Amino acid sequence: MHAHEEDTESERVFRPASYSLPPSRGRSALDLRADGTYLESSPGPTDRPEQTAGMWELEGDRLTLRAPDGSTRVLRIASAEPNRLVVRRLPG
């Protein structure tokens, strides 16, 4: 789950779904699965979660997310701990 309360200007923080986060009108979530697929959800225009699935790949500290429409996002893992993942967005 996106813990936006902990974000900085350049980094986004994610916590496990089981982590106790304060109430929020809507949170983004990223589920990286062992089979190389991911499921991402974020609040849509009516505040209901909208989901996207795709493939992910980790190379060094670069996490690449590939959506079915062909779009790609690259995130740099700044730190990874059992209860906290910190990422930075990289160009293309």
C-alpha atoms as a PDB file:
ATOM      1  CA  MET A   1       0.000   0.000   0.000  1.00  0.00           C
ATOM      2  CA  HIS A   2       1.227   3.491  -0.809  1.00  0.00           C
ATOM      3  CA  ALA A   3       2.055   5.244   2.463  1.00  0.00           C
ATOM      4  CA  HIS A   4       1.847   8.774   1.024  1.00  0.00           C
ATOM      5  CA  GLU A   5       2.323  10.234   4.503  1.00  0.00           C
ATOM      6  CA  GLU A   6       5.948   9.049   4.351  1.00  0.00           C
ATOM      7  CA  ASP A   7       6.718  10.233   0.792  1.00  0.00           C
ATOM      8  CA  THR A   8       9.340  12.840   0.044  1.00  0.00           C
ATOM      9  CA  GLU A   9       9.590  15.051  -3.021  1.00  0.00           C
ATOM     10  CA  SER A  10      11.605  12.399  -4.862  1.00  0.00           C
ATOM     11  CA  GLU A  11      10.567   9.106  -3.234  1.00  0.00           C
ATOM     12  CA  ARG A  12       7.412   7.046  -2.774  1.00  0.00           C
ATOM     13  CA  VAL A  13       6.972   4.721   0.194  1.00  0.00           C
ATOM     14  CA  PHE A  14       5.025   1.451   0.159  1.00  0.00           C
ATOM     15  CA  ARG A  15       4.014  -0.674   3.151  1.00  0.00           C
ATOM     16  CA  PRO A  16       2.485  -4.177   3.316  1.00  0.00           C
ATOM     17  CA  ALA A  17      -1.322  -4.315   3.236  1.00  0.00           C
ATOM     18  CA  SER A  18      -1.180  -5.673   6.792  1.00  0.00           C
ATOM     19  CA  TYR A  19       0.667  -2.554   8.030  1.00  0.00           C
ATOM     20  CA  SER A  20      -1.417  -0.193  10.168  1.00  0.00           C
ATOM     21  CA  LEU A  21      -1.773   3.002   8.107  1.00  0.00           C
ATOM     22  CA  PRO A  22      -3.993   5.930   9.078  1.00  0.00           C
ATOM     23  CA  PRO A  23      -7.336   6.231   7.294  1.00  0.00           C
ATOM     24  CA  SER A  24      -7.130   7.691   3.792  1.00  0.00           C
ATOM     25  CA  ARG A  25      -9.723   8.469   1.169  1.00  0.00           C
ATOM     26  CA  GLY A  26      -7.945   6.149  -1.255  1.00  0.00           C
ATOM     27  CA  ARG A  27      -4.577   4.453  -1.488  1.00  0.00           C
ATOM     28  CA  SER A  28      -2.624   3.067  -4.390  1.00  0.00           C
ATOM     29  CA  ALA A  29      -1.351  -0.480  -4.044  1.00  0.00           C
ATOM     30  CA  LEU A  30       1.278  -2.508  -5.864  1.00  0.00           C
ATOM     31  CA  ASP A  31       1.368  -6.311  -5.571  1.00  0.00           C
ATOM     32  CA  LEU A  32       4.555  -7.814  -7.058  1.00  0.00           C
ATOM     33  CA  ARG A  33       3.958 -11.533  -7.491  1.00  0.00           C
ATOM     34  CA  ALA A  34       6.592 -14.277  -7.524  1.00  0.00           C
ATOM     35  CA  ASP A  35       5.612 -15.341 -11.063  1.00  0.00           C
ATOM     36  CA  GLY A  36       6.725 -11.974 -12.523  1.00  0.00           C
ATOM     37  CA  THR A  37       3.237 -10.459 -12.753  1.00  0.00           C
ATOM     38  CA  TYR A  38       1.958  -7.459 -10.829  1.00  0.00           C
ATOM     39  CA  LEU A  39      -1.398  -6.053  -9.889  1.00  0.00           C
ATOM     40  CA  GLU A  40      -1.676  -2.317  -9.290  1.00  0.00           C
ATOM     41  CA  SER A  41      -4.709  -0.482  -8.001  1.00  0.00           C
ATOM     42  CA  SER A  42      -5.408   3.186  -7.464  1.00  0.00           C
ATOM     43  CA  PRO A  43      -8.486   5.297  -6.753  1.00  0.00           C
ATOM     44  CA  GLY A  44     -10.482   6.017  -9.885  1.00  0.00           C
ATOM     45  CA  PRO A  45     -12.636   9.054 -10.675  1.00  0.00           C
ATOM     46  CA  THR A  46     -15.422   7.776  -8.376  1.00  0.00           C
ATOM     47  CA  ASP A  47     -12.948   6.832  -5.597  1.00  0.00           C
ATOM     48  CA  ARG A  48     -13.395   3.140  -6.393  1.00  0.00           C
ATOM     49  CA  PRO A  49     -10.170   1.215  -6.988  1.00  0.00           C
ATOM     50  CA  GLU A  50      -9.175   0.663 -10.611  1.00  0.00           C
ATOM     51  CA  GLN A  51      -6.800  -2.214 -11.291  1.00  0.00           C
ATOM     52  CA  THR A  52      -4.057  -2.778 -13.841  1.00  0.00           C
ATOM     53  CA  ALA A  53      -2.112  -5.996 -14.308  1.00  0.00           C
ATOM     54  CA  GLY A  54       1.193  -6.483 -16.053  1.00  0.00           C
ATOM     55  CA  MET A  55       4.678  -7.943 -15.867  1.00  0.00           C
ATOM     56  CA  TRP A  56       7.560  -6.812 -13.675  1.00  0.00           C
ATOM     57  CA  GLU A  57      11.297  -7.356 -13.845  1.00  0.00           C
ATOM     58  CA  LEU A  58      14.053  -6.536 -11.368  1.00  0.00           C
ATOM     59  CA  GLU A  59      17.545  -5.797 -12.638  1.00  0.00           C
ATOM     60  CA  GLY A  60      19.890  -4.559  -9.941  1.00  0.00           C
ATOM     61  CA  ASP A  61      17.985  -1.749  -8.239  1.00  0.00           C
ATOM     62  CA  ARG A  62      15.772  -1.077 -11.296  1.00  0.00           C
ATOM     63  CA  LEU A  63      12.190  -2.308 -11.128  1.00  0.00           C
ATOM     64  CA  THR A  64      10.514  -2.238 -14.546  1.00  0.00           C
ATOM     65  CA  LEU A  65       6.708  -2.425 -14.774  1.00  0.00           C
ATOM     66  CA  ARG A  66       5.230  -3.319 -18.175  1.00  0.00           C
ATOM     67  CA  ALA A  67       1.494  -2.807 -18.652  1.00  0.00           C
ATOM     68  CA  PRO A  68      -0.547  -4.728 -21.251  1.00  0.00           C
ATOM     69  CA  ASP A  69      -0.911  -1.552 -23.369  1.00  0.00           C
ATOM     70  CA  GLY A  70       2.873  -1.534 -23.875  1.00  0.00           C
ATOM     71  CA  SER A  71       3.614   1.324 -21.500  1.00  0.00           C
ATOM     72  CA  THR A  72       6.629   0.943 -19.231  1.00  0.00           C
ATOM     73  CA  ARG A  73       7.572   2.543 -15.926  1.00  0.00           C
ATOM     74  CA  VAL A  74      10.974   2.198 -14.327  1.00  0.00           C
ATOM     75  CA  LEU A  75      11.427   2.668 -10.592  1.00  0.00           C
ATOM     76  CA  ARG A  76      14.719   2.664  -8.710  1.00  0.00           C
ATOM     77  CA  ILE A  77      14.604   0.869  -5.400  1.00  0.00           C
ATOM     78  CA  ALA A  78      16.129   3.254  -2.886  1.00  0.00           C
ATOM     79  CA  SER A  79      15.642   0.838   0.017  1.00  0.00           C
ATOM     80  CA  ALA A  80      13.828  -2.410   0.731  1.00  0.00           C
ATOM     81  CA  GLU A  81      13.023  -3.656   4.206  1.00  0.00           C
ATOM     82  CA  PRO A  82      10.471  -6.268   5.323  1.00  0.00           C
ATOM     83  CA  ASN A  83       7.858  -3.579   6.146  1.00  0.00           C
ATOM     84  CA  ARG A  84       8.963  -0.690   3.906  1.00  0.00           C
ATOM     85  CA  LEU A  85       9.789  -0.265   0.222  1.00  0.00           C
ATOM     86  CA  VAL A  86      11.085   3.101  -1.018  1.00  0.00           C
ATOM     87  CA  VAL A  87      11.230   3.790  -4.780  1.00  0.00           C
ATOM     88  CA  ARG A  88      12.164   6.626  -7.112  1.00  0.00           C
ATOM     89  CA  ARG A  89      10.768   7.034 -10.615  1.00  0.00           C
ATOM     90  CA  LEU A  90      13.352   6.970 -13.408  1.00  0.00           C
ATOM     91  CA  PRO A  91      12.879   8.218 -16.983  1.00  0.00           C
ATOM     92  CA  GLY A  92      11.519   5.574 -19.394  1.00  0.00           C
END
